[in-house]
């Protein structure tokens, strides 16, 4: 289970948020409080940098070797490292991935395929069909149906005997008699806060916990067991965007998926759950000030992520219109000068930092917002921080206090008894 791009501050703020709002801690932190897990720190470096990207990070787990940023299980001299879900499938287990970003994105792909570049998502969608993974759920519809080669891969998946679904009802209607491919959005799924605030989105698109529960149901009765990766991918996207509400609500959504997995593992008694992040991102945190507590609690009333606000601003919007919009959706008041400054960015959209294809002023808006929430970001890019790593269930005793990301590949094989096969 991977909260992609989760810095320590993200884990902390999600716990603080639910403790202040709901009077109880996050499930992940409660596992620590109750001493139910083994815990470690993990070095996440890639072969090309102390600061990894998601492709190299997932490949370290998936292939057991550090590769250069941007690559998937491919070494400097063309060495192809067999991804771990292919190993487990060869060993007779059911396998799959669940994510809130495209199912073809770097983190799921690192467990599944070999590729010279993470960017070949249309090709990765085609590779999945050939490999016949058992349960795949996420976004990325464009890589299946809006392809340069004009193929409709979802129709090809159906012809190959898959259950195919593009909404929550379709997902809930799948069963274990066929492999499953569920693709719910053209790109990434909506941020959890936006999904929760839109009845249509909530009806049509499942939460990460709902996907996780369904995937477990589809694979749990297989005689030789199952292996699955679950990714809270939009935690990373929110960190890149310096979007505090999106970040915290998606981390909480990931926490609910962790709860679903651990509760299953407790009942099952024969399942190892690994909970971690592939790297830090943006080093967000709640910062000191006389109004820090009150400011932080403003996030309780947020009705929209920054993404939704910034995506829907037009250059001709007035400062008063933007001030009213932010007041209504995010519970604080921009100054007129701040509104003018944000609107000025739309005369020439050139902020190309982080994951920002529309060149929106995420960093500028996040810095202004920090004055009202006391949540600030150190950057909008990945960091080299050692990441949290926790394990629950049989095999957790194998965990040492400090590991390299590549160590997890071999630990998973050892814990499942598959190590001697490869």
Protein backbone atom coordinates (compact mmCIF):
# COMPACT_ATOMS: atom_id res chain seq x y z
CA UNK A 1 0.00 0.00 0.00
CA UNK A 2 1.60 3.20 -1.27
CA UNK A 3 0.66 6.75 -0.36
CA UNK A 4 2.55 8.20 -3.29
CA UNK A 5 4.60 11.28 -2.44
CA UNK A 6 3.69 11.20 1.25
CA UNK A 7 6.04 13.29 3.34
CA UNK A 8 6.12 12.92 7.11
CA UNK A 9 4.14 16.15 7.39
CA UNK A 10 1.34 14.67 5.27
CA UNK A 11 0.98 11.66 7.56
CA UNK A 12 1.08 13.95 10.61
CA UNK A 13 -1.48 16.46 9.31
CA UNK A 14 -3.97 13.76 8.31
CA UNK A 15 -3.79 12.38 11.84
CA UNK A 16 -4.11 15.84 13.42
CA UNK A 17 -7.02 16.63 11.12
CA UNK A 18 -9.16 13.60 12.03
CA UNK A 19 -8.25 13.87 15.72
CA UNK A 20 -9.44 17.50 15.82
CA UNK A 21 -12.48 16.91 13.61
CA UNK A 22 -13.61 13.41 14.60
CA UNK A 23 -12.04 12.89 18.01
CA UNK A 24 -9.99 9.88 16.91
CA UNK A 25 -6.66 9.29 15.22
CA UNK A 26 -5.91 8.11 11.71
CA UNK A 27 -5.89 4.36 11.28
CA UNK A 28 -2.22 4.28 10.22
CA UNK A 29 -1.08 6.25 13.26
CA UNK A 30 -3.33 4.17 15.52
CA UNK A 31 -1.47 1.09 14.31
CA UNK A 32 1.65 2.76 15.76
CA UNK A 33 -0.08 3.84 18.95
CA UNK A 34 -1.40 0.32 19.53
CA UNK A 35 1.97 -1.23 18.57
CA UNK A 36 0.33 -3.51 16.03
CA UNK A 37 2.97 -3.18 13.31
CA UNK A 38 6.66 -3.48 12.66
CA UNK A 39 8.07 -0.09 11.66
CA UNK A 40 11.10 1.12 9.73
CA UNK A 41 12.54 3.95 7.67
CA UNK A 42 13.31 3.39 4.00
CA UNK A 43 15.94 4.93 1.74
CA UNK A 44 14.20 5.73 -1.57
CA UNK A 45 17.07 6.79 -3.86
CA UNK A 46 17.15 5.77 -7.54
CA UNK A 47 20.15 4.75 -9.66
CA UNK A 48 20.45 8.28 -11.04
CA UNK A 49 19.60 10.50 -8.07
CA UNK A 50 19.19 10.75 -4.32
CA UNK A 51 15.74 12.06 -5.22
CA UNK A 52 13.70 9.39 -6.96
CA UNK A 53 10.73 9.64 -9.25
CA UNK A 54 7.82 7.23 -8.94
CA UNK A 55 8.93 5.01 -11.82
CA UNK A 56 12.34 4.24 -10.34
CA UNK A 57 10.87 3.98 -6.83
CA UNK A 58 8.25 1.42 -7.82
CA UNK A 59 10.79 -0.43 -9.95
CA UNK A 60 13.03 -0.83 -6.89
CA UNK A 61 10.19 -2.69 -5.19
CA UNK A 62 8.93 -4.28 -8.38
CA UNK A 63 12.17 -5.49 -9.95
CA UNK A 64 14.55 -5.52 -7.01
CA UNK A 65 17.06 -3.20 -8.69
CA UNK A 66 17.55 0.54 -8.66
CA UNK A 67 17.06 2.03 -12.11
CA UNK A 68 17.35 5.56 -13.45
CA UNK A 69 14.51 7.98 -12.93
CA UNK A 70 11.85 7.62 -15.61
CA UNK A 71 12.55 3.95 -16.36
CA UNK A 72 10.53 0.91 -15.41
CA UNK A 73 12.60 -2.15 -14.46
CA UNK A 74 15.19 -1.49 -17.15
CA UNK A 75 18.92 -1.31 -16.37
CA UNK A 76 21.66 0.81 -17.91
CA UNK A 77 22.68 -1.85 -20.42
CA UNK A 78 19.19 -3.00 -21.32
CA UNK A 79 18.87 -5.50 -18.47
CA UNK A 80 15.20 -6.35 -17.95
CA UNK A 81 14.23 -7.07 -14.35
CA UNK A 82 11.18 -9.30 -14.13
CA UNK A 83 8.48 -7.32 -12.24
CA UNK A 84 7.16 -8.82 -9.06
CA UNK A 85 3.53 -9.23 -10.12
CA UNK A 86 4.72 -11.27 -13.09
CA UNK A 87 6.72 -13.41 -10.66
CA UNK A 88 3.74 -13.93 -8.39
CA UNK A 89 1.46 -14.72 -11.33
CA UNK A 90 3.96 -17.33 -12.53
CA UNK A 91 3.83 -18.77 -9.01
CA UNK A 92 0.07 -19.24 -9.39
CA UNK A 93 -1.24 -16.29 -7.38
CA UNK A 94 -3.85 -13.78 -8.44
CA UNK A 95 -2.37 -10.29 -8.84
CA UNK A 96 -3.56 -6.75 -9.35
CA UNK A 97 -3.27 -3.01 -8.81
CA UNK A 98 -5.65 -0.35 -7.53
CA UNK A 99 -4.93 3.38 -7.83
CA UNK A 100 -6.47 6.86 -7.92
CA UNK A 101 -4.29 7.90 -10.88
CA UNK A 102 -4.07 6.18 -14.28
CA UNK A 103 -3.67 2.44 -13.88
CA UNK A 104 -0.87 2.80 -16.45
CA UNK A 105 0.96 5.35 -14.27
CA UNK A 106 4.45 4.85 -12.90
CA UNK A 107 3.69 3.29 -9.52
CA UNK A 108 1.40 0.46 -10.65
CA UNK A 109 3.49 -0.01 -13.78
CA UNK A 110 6.63 -0.56 -11.71
CA UNK A 111 5.09 -3.73 -10.28
CA UNK A 112 3.90 -4.91 -13.69
CA UNK A 113 6.04 -4.13 -16.74
CA UNK A 114 9.42 -3.29 -18.22
CA UNK A 115 9.64 -0.06 -20.22
CA UNK A 116 12.33 2.38 -21.27
CA UNK A 117 10.11 5.25 -20.17
CA UNK A 118 7.16 5.70 -17.84
CA UNK A 119 5.59 8.01 -20.43
CA UNK A 120 4.56 5.20 -22.76
CA UNK A 121 1.22 4.75 -21.02
CA UNK A 122 -0.67 3.63 -24.12
CA UNK A 123 1.94 0.89 -24.64
CA UNK A 124 1.72 -0.06 -20.95
CA UNK A 125 -2.08 -0.48 -21.31
CA UNK A 126 -1.39 -2.86 -24.19
CA UNK A 127 1.19 -4.78 -22.15
CA UNK A 128 -1.36 -5.30 -19.37
CA UNK A 129 -3.68 -7.02 -21.85
CA UNK A 130 -0.97 -9.45 -22.90
CA UNK A 131 0.00 -10.16 -19.29
CA UNK A 132 -3.60 -10.81 -18.14
CA UNK A 133 -3.39 -9.43 -14.63
CA UNK A 134 -6.41 -10.39 -12.55
CA UNK A 135 -7.73 -7.11 -11.09
CA UNK A 136 -6.76 -3.64 -12.33
CA UNK A 137 -8.62 -0.50 -11.20
CA UNK A 138 -7.88 3.20 -11.63
CA UNK A 139 -7.99 6.03 -14.14
CA UNK A 140 -6.36 6.53 -17.53
CA UNK A 141 -9.25 5.88 -19.91
CA UNK A 142 -7.51 7.95 -22.58
CA UNK A 143 -4.76 5.33 -22.88
CA UNK A 144 -7.35 2.68 -23.67
CA UNK A 145 -9.83 4.49 -25.93
CA UNK A 146 -8.20 7.71 -27.24
CA UNK A 147 -5.09 6.22 -28.69
CA UNK A 148 -2.96 7.30 -31.65
CA UNK A 149 -3.38 3.81 -33.15
CA UNK A 150 -7.21 4.18 -32.98
CA UNK A 151 -7.59 0.89 -31.11
CA UNK A 152 -10.24 0.57 -28.42
CA UNK A 153 -8.41 -1.49 -25.87
CA UNK A 154 -11.43 -1.83 -23.61
CA UNK A 155 -13.21 -3.67 -26.40
CA UNK A 156 -10.13 -5.84 -26.81
CA UNK A 157 -10.15 -6.57 -23.08
CA UNK A 158 -13.80 -7.64 -23.35
CA UNK A 159 -12.99 -9.85 -26.32
CA UNK A 160 -10.18 -11.42 -24.27
CA UNK A 161 -12.66 -12.45 -21.58
CA UNK A 162 -12.38 -9.56 -19.10
CA UNK A 163 -15.05 -7.93 -17.01
CA UNK A 164 -14.72 -4.26 -18.05
CA UNK A 165 -16.27 -1.41 -16.07
CA UNK A 166 -16.10 2.38 -16.26
CA UNK A 167 -18.20 3.33 -13.21
CA UNK A 168 -18.80 2.24 -9.62
CA UNK A 169 -21.91 0.16 -10.37
CA UNK A 170 -20.04 -1.69 -13.08
CA UNK A 171 -17.19 -2.40 -10.68
CA UNK A 172 -19.54 -3.67 -7.99
CA UNK A 173 -21.12 -6.01 -10.54
CA UNK A 174 -17.89 -7.81 -11.41
CA UNK A 175 -17.12 -11.24 -10.01
CA UNK A 176 -14.16 -13.59 -9.70
CA UNK A 177 -15.03 -15.70 -12.75
CA UNK A 178 -13.08 -13.40 -15.08
CA UNK A 179 -10.18 -10.98 -14.82
CA UNK A 180 -11.29 -7.40 -14.18
CA UNK A 181 -10.30 -4.07 -15.76
CA UNK A 182 -12.00 -0.98 -14.31
CA UNK A 183 -11.13 2.47 -15.67
CA UNK A 184 -13.11 5.31 -14.08
CA UNK A 185 -11.71 8.57 -15.47
CA UNK A 186 -9.90 9.93 -18.50
CA UNK A 187 -6.83 10.79 -16.43
CA UNK A 188 -6.61 10.62 -12.64
CA UNK A 189 -9.69 10.13 -10.49
CA UNK A 190 -11.10 13.25 -8.79
CA UNK A 191 -9.52 14.37 -5.56
CA UNK A 192 -11.40 12.84 -2.64
CA UNK A 193 -12.69 16.20 -1.35
CA UNK A 194 -14.16 17.04 -4.77
CA UNK A 195 -15.63 13.54 -5.10
CA UNK A 196 -17.26 13.81 -1.68
CA UNK A 197 -18.78 17.20 -2.53
CA UNK A 198 -20.29 16.13 -5.87
CA UNK A 199 -23.16 13.62 -5.65
CA UNK A 200 -22.72 12.55 -9.27
CA UNK A 201 -19.01 11.88 -8.85
CA UNK A 202 -19.65 10.03 -5.59
CA UNK A 203 -22.27 7.85 -7.30
CA UNK A 204 -20.15 7.05 -10.36
CA UNK A 205 -16.59 6.88 -9.04
CA UNK A 206 -15.52 4.66 -6.13
CA UNK A 207 -13.28 5.74 -3.30
CA UNK A 208 -9.90 4.09 -2.89
CA UNK A 209 -11.27 2.08 0.05
CA UNK A 210 -14.23 0.88 -2.04
CA UNK A 211 -11.89 -0.25 -4.81
CA UNK A 212 -9.62 -1.95 -2.28
CA UNK A 213 -12.49 -3.87 -0.66
CA UNK A 214 -13.80 -5.01 -4.05
CA UNK A 215 -10.36 -6.08 -5.27
CA UNK A 216 -9.83 -8.11 -2.08
CA UNK A 217 -13.23 -9.73 -2.55
CA UNK A 218 -12.35 -10.68 -6.11
CA UNK A 219 -9.04 -12.34 -5.18
CA UNK A 220 -9.24 -13.51 -1.57
CA UNK A 221 -10.60 -17.01 -2.24
CA UNK A 222 -7.96 -18.00 -4.76
CA UNK A 223 -6.32 -21.24 -3.53
CA UNK A 224 -2.77 -19.92 -3.95
CA UNK A 225 -3.50 -16.47 -2.56
CA UNK A 226 -3.12 -13.02 -4.07
CA UNK A 227 -0.76 -10.04 -4.21
CA UNK A 228 -2.00 -6.51 -4.78
CA UNK A 229 -0.59 -3.00 -4.87
CA UNK A 230 -2.89 -0.18 -3.68
CA UNK A 231 -1.79 3.39 -4.46
CA UNK A 232 -3.10 6.70 -3.16
CA UNK A 233 -1.64 8.36 -6.23
CA UNK A 234 -3.27 11.75 -5.92
CA UNK A 235 -1.55 12.43 -2.61
CA UNK A 236 1.49 13.02 -4.80
CA UNK A 237 -0.40 15.18 -7.28
CA UNK A 238 -1.76 17.33 -4.44
CA UNK A 239 1.74 17.83 -3.03
CA UNK A 240 3.02 18.89 -6.45
CA UNK A 241 0.15 21.40 -6.58
CA UNK A 242 0.75 22.69 -3.00
CA UNK A 243 -2.94 21.95 -2.40
CA UNK A 244 -3.35 21.37 1.34
CA UNK A 245 -7.01 20.30 1.33
CA UNK A 246 -6.54 17.91 -1.58
CA UNK A 247 -3.46 16.49 0.14
CA UNK A 248 -5.06 15.87 3.52
CA UNK A 249 -8.37 14.53 2.26
CA UNK A 250 -6.65 12.13 -0.15
CA UNK A 251 -4.32 10.96 2.62
CA UNK A 252 -7.38 10.27 4.76
CA UNK A 253 -8.93 8.36 1.85
CA UNK A 254 -5.74 6.30 1.64
CA UNK A 255 -5.97 5.73 5.40
CA UNK A 256 -9.44 4.25 4.92
CA UNK A 257 -8.04 1.88 2.31
CA UNK A 258 -5.34 0.83 4.79
CA UNK A 259 -8.10 0.16 7.31
CA UNK A 260 -9.95 -2.05 4.83
CA UNK A 261 -6.81 -4.05 4.05
CA UNK A 262 -5.71 -4.50 7.66
CA UNK A 263 -9.20 -5.50 8.80
CA UNK A 264 -9.23 -8.17 6.10
CA UNK A 265 -5.75 -9.30 7.13
CA UNK A 266 -6.81 -9.52 10.79
CA UNK A 267 -9.72 -11.77 9.87
CA UNK A 268 -7.71 -13.80 7.37
CA UNK A 269 -4.65 -14.33 9.56
CA UNK A 270 -2.45 -15.22 6.61
CA UNK A 271 -1.96 -11.90 4.85
CA UNK A 272 0.94 -9.45 5.06
CA UNK A 273 0.05 -5.75 4.62
CA UNK A 274 2.92 -3.38 3.78
CA UNK A 275 2.16 0.34 4.24
CA UNK A 276 4.58 2.95 2.95
CA UNK A 277 5.38 5.78 0.55
CA UNK A 278 7.71 5.77 -2.44
CA UNK A 279 9.20 9.21 -1.67
CA UNK A 280 8.40 12.50 0.00
CA UNK A 281 7.01 15.45 -1.89
CA UNK A 282 7.03 19.18 -1.10
CA UNK A 283 7.61 18.68 2.68
CA UNK A 284 4.30 20.21 3.80
CA UNK A 285 3.56 20.95 7.42
CA UNK A 286 1.42 22.83 9.91
CA UNK A 287 3.54 25.76 11.05
CA UNK A 288 3.65 27.73 14.29
CA UNK A 289 1.64 30.89 14.90
CA UNK A 290 -0.85 32.19 17.45
CA UNK A 291 -3.76 31.15 15.22
CA UNK A 292 -2.30 27.88 13.90
CA UNK A 293 -4.97 25.64 15.45
CA UNK A 294 -7.87 27.84 14.34
CA UNK A 295 -6.39 28.29 10.87
CA UNK A 296 -5.86 24.55 10.43
CA UNK A 297 -9.47 23.89 11.38
CA UNK A 298 -10.64 26.09 8.49
CA UNK A 299 -9.88 23.06 6.35
CA UNK A 300 -12.85 21.29 7.98
CA UNK A 301 -15.20 23.60 6.05
CA UNK A 302 -13.47 23.43 2.67
CA UNK A 303 -15.88 22.47 -0.13
CA UNK A 304 -13.31 22.41 -2.93
CA UNK A 305 -9.69 21.71 -3.67
CA UNK A 306 -7.45 24.44 -5.07
CA UNK A 307 -7.42 22.42 -8.28
CA UNK A 308 -11.14 22.92 -8.86
CA UNK A 309 -10.92 26.64 -8.18
CA UNK A 310 -7.88 27.26 -10.38
CA UNK A 311 -9.09 25.05 -13.22
CA UNK A 312 -12.28 27.11 -13.49
CA UNK A 313 -10.89 30.64 -13.33
CA UNK A 314 -11.21 32.71 -16.52
CA UNK A 315 -8.92 35.64 -17.35
CA UNK A 316 -11.95 37.93 -17.57
CA UNK A 317 -13.15 37.07 -14.03
CA UNK A 318 -13.26 40.04 -11.66
CA UNK A 319 -11.36 40.20 -8.37
CA UNK A 320 -14.66 40.39 -6.49
CA UNK A 321 -15.90 37.24 -8.23
CA UNK A 322 -12.75 35.34 -7.21
CA UNK A 323 -12.91 36.65 -3.62
CA UNK A 324 -16.53 35.49 -3.31
CA UNK A 325 -15.71 32.11 -4.85
CA UNK A 326 -12.88 31.44 -2.41
CA UNK A 327 -14.96 32.64 0.56
CA UNK A 328 -17.82 30.30 -0.39
CA UNK A 329 -15.72 27.26 -1.23
CA UNK A 330 -12.75 27.54 1.13
CA UNK A 331 -13.91 29.62 4.09
CA UNK A 332 -11.38 32.49 4.03
CA UNK A 333 -11.08 35.90 2.42
CA UNK A 334 -8.48 36.87 -0.16
CA UNK A 335 -7.39 40.49 -0.21
CA UNK A 336 -8.21 42.38 -3.37
CA UNK A 337 -4.49 42.60 -4.16
CA UNK A 338 -4.14 38.80 -3.82
CA UNK A 339 -7.11 38.23 -6.12
CA UNK A 340 -5.66 40.60 -8.71
CA UNK A 341 -2.29 38.84 -8.49
CA UNK A 342 -3.83 35.41 -9.04
CA UNK A 343 -5.96 36.62 -11.97
CA UNK A 344 -2.88 38.23 -13.54
CA UNK A 345 -1.35 34.74 -13.85
CA UNK A 346 -4.11 33.84 -16.32
CA UNK A 347 -2.99 36.49 -18.80
CA UNK A 348 0.02 34.30 -19.46
CA UNK A 349 -0.05 30.80 -17.99
CA UNK A 350 3.62 29.90 -17.65
CA UNK A 351 3.98 28.17 -14.26
CA UNK A 352 5.44 24.86 -15.42
CA UNK A 353 6.67 23.56 -12.07
CA UNK A 354 5.75 20.05 -10.96
CA UNK A 355 2.87 18.11 -12.49
CA UNK A 356 1.19 21.16 -14.02
CA UNK A 357 0.19 20.61 -17.66
CA UNK A 358 -2.22 23.57 -17.63
CA UNK A 359 0.45 25.95 -16.22
CA UNK A 360 -1.84 27.02 -13.38
CA UNK A 361 -0.55 29.21 -10.51
CA UNK A 362 -0.66 26.43 -7.91
CA UNK A 363 2.44 27.57 -6.03
CA UNK A 364 1.32 31.20 -5.84
CA UNK A 365 -2.16 30.25 -4.69
CA UNK A 366 -0.82 27.77 -2.14
CA UNK A 367 1.48 30.41 -0.65
CA UNK A 368 -1.41 32.84 -0.26
CA UNK A 369 -3.59 30.12 1.23
CA UNK A 370 -0.90 29.28 3.81
CA UNK A 371 -1.58 32.64 5.46
CA UNK A 372 -5.11 31.41 6.22
CA UNK A 373 -4.53 27.70 7.02
CA UNK A 374 -0.99 27.75 8.51
CA UNK A 375 -0.18 24.82 6.18
CA UNK A 376 2.87 25.60 4.06
CA UNK A 377 5.00 23.72 1.55
CA UNK A 378 8.76 23.72 1.12
CA UNK A 379 8.68 23.11 -2.62
CA UNK A 380 6.48 21.51 -5.25
CA UNK A 381 8.77 18.62 -6.07
CA UNK A 382 9.88 15.26 -4.69
CA UNK A 383 12.27 15.12 -1.74
CA UNK A 384 14.99 12.69 -0.66
CA UNK A 385 13.46 12.09 2.78
CA UNK A 386 13.52 8.58 4.18
CA UNK A 387 9.95 7.31 4.16
CA UNK A 388 7.72 5.58 6.68
CA UNK A 389 7.38 1.81 6.32
CA UNK A 390 5.03 -0.35 8.40
CA UNK A 391 4.08 -4.02 8.17
CA UNK A 392 1.17 -5.96 9.65
CA UNK A 393 0.75 -9.72 9.62
CA UNK A 394 2.89 -12.79 8.95
CA UNK A 395 6.22 -11.75 7.44
CA UNK A 396 6.35 -8.44 9.33
CA UNK A 397 8.99 -9.96 11.60
CA UNK A 398 11.38 -9.85 8.62
CA UNK A 399 11.42 -6.06 8.67
CA UNK A 400 14.62 -4.37 9.88
CA UNK A 401 14.62 -0.83 11.31
CA UNK A 402 16.26 0.68 8.22
CA UNK A 403 16.01 -0.68 4.67
CA UNK A 404 16.68 0.21 1.07
CA UNK A 405 13.69 0.32 -1.27
CA UNK A 406 15.09 -2.66 -3.18
CA UNK A 407 14.99 -4.75 0.00
CA UNK A 408 11.19 -4.87 -0.16
CA UNK A 409 11.26 -6.88 -3.38
CA UNK A 410 13.13 -9.72 -1.74
CA UNK A 411 11.22 -9.44 1.53
CA UNK A 412 7.90 -9.90 -0.33
CA UNK A 413 9.23 -12.97 -2.14
CA UNK A 414 10.59 -14.40 1.10
CA UNK A 415 7.41 -13.71 3.10
CA UNK A 416 5.26 -15.51 0.54
CA UNK A 417 7.60 -18.47 0.07
CA UNK A 418 8.15 -17.58 -3.57
CA UNK A 419 11.79 -16.55 -3.16
CA UNK A 420 13.17 -19.97 -4.08
CA UNK A 421 11.31 -19.99 -7.40
CA UNK A 422 13.18 -17.05 -8.97
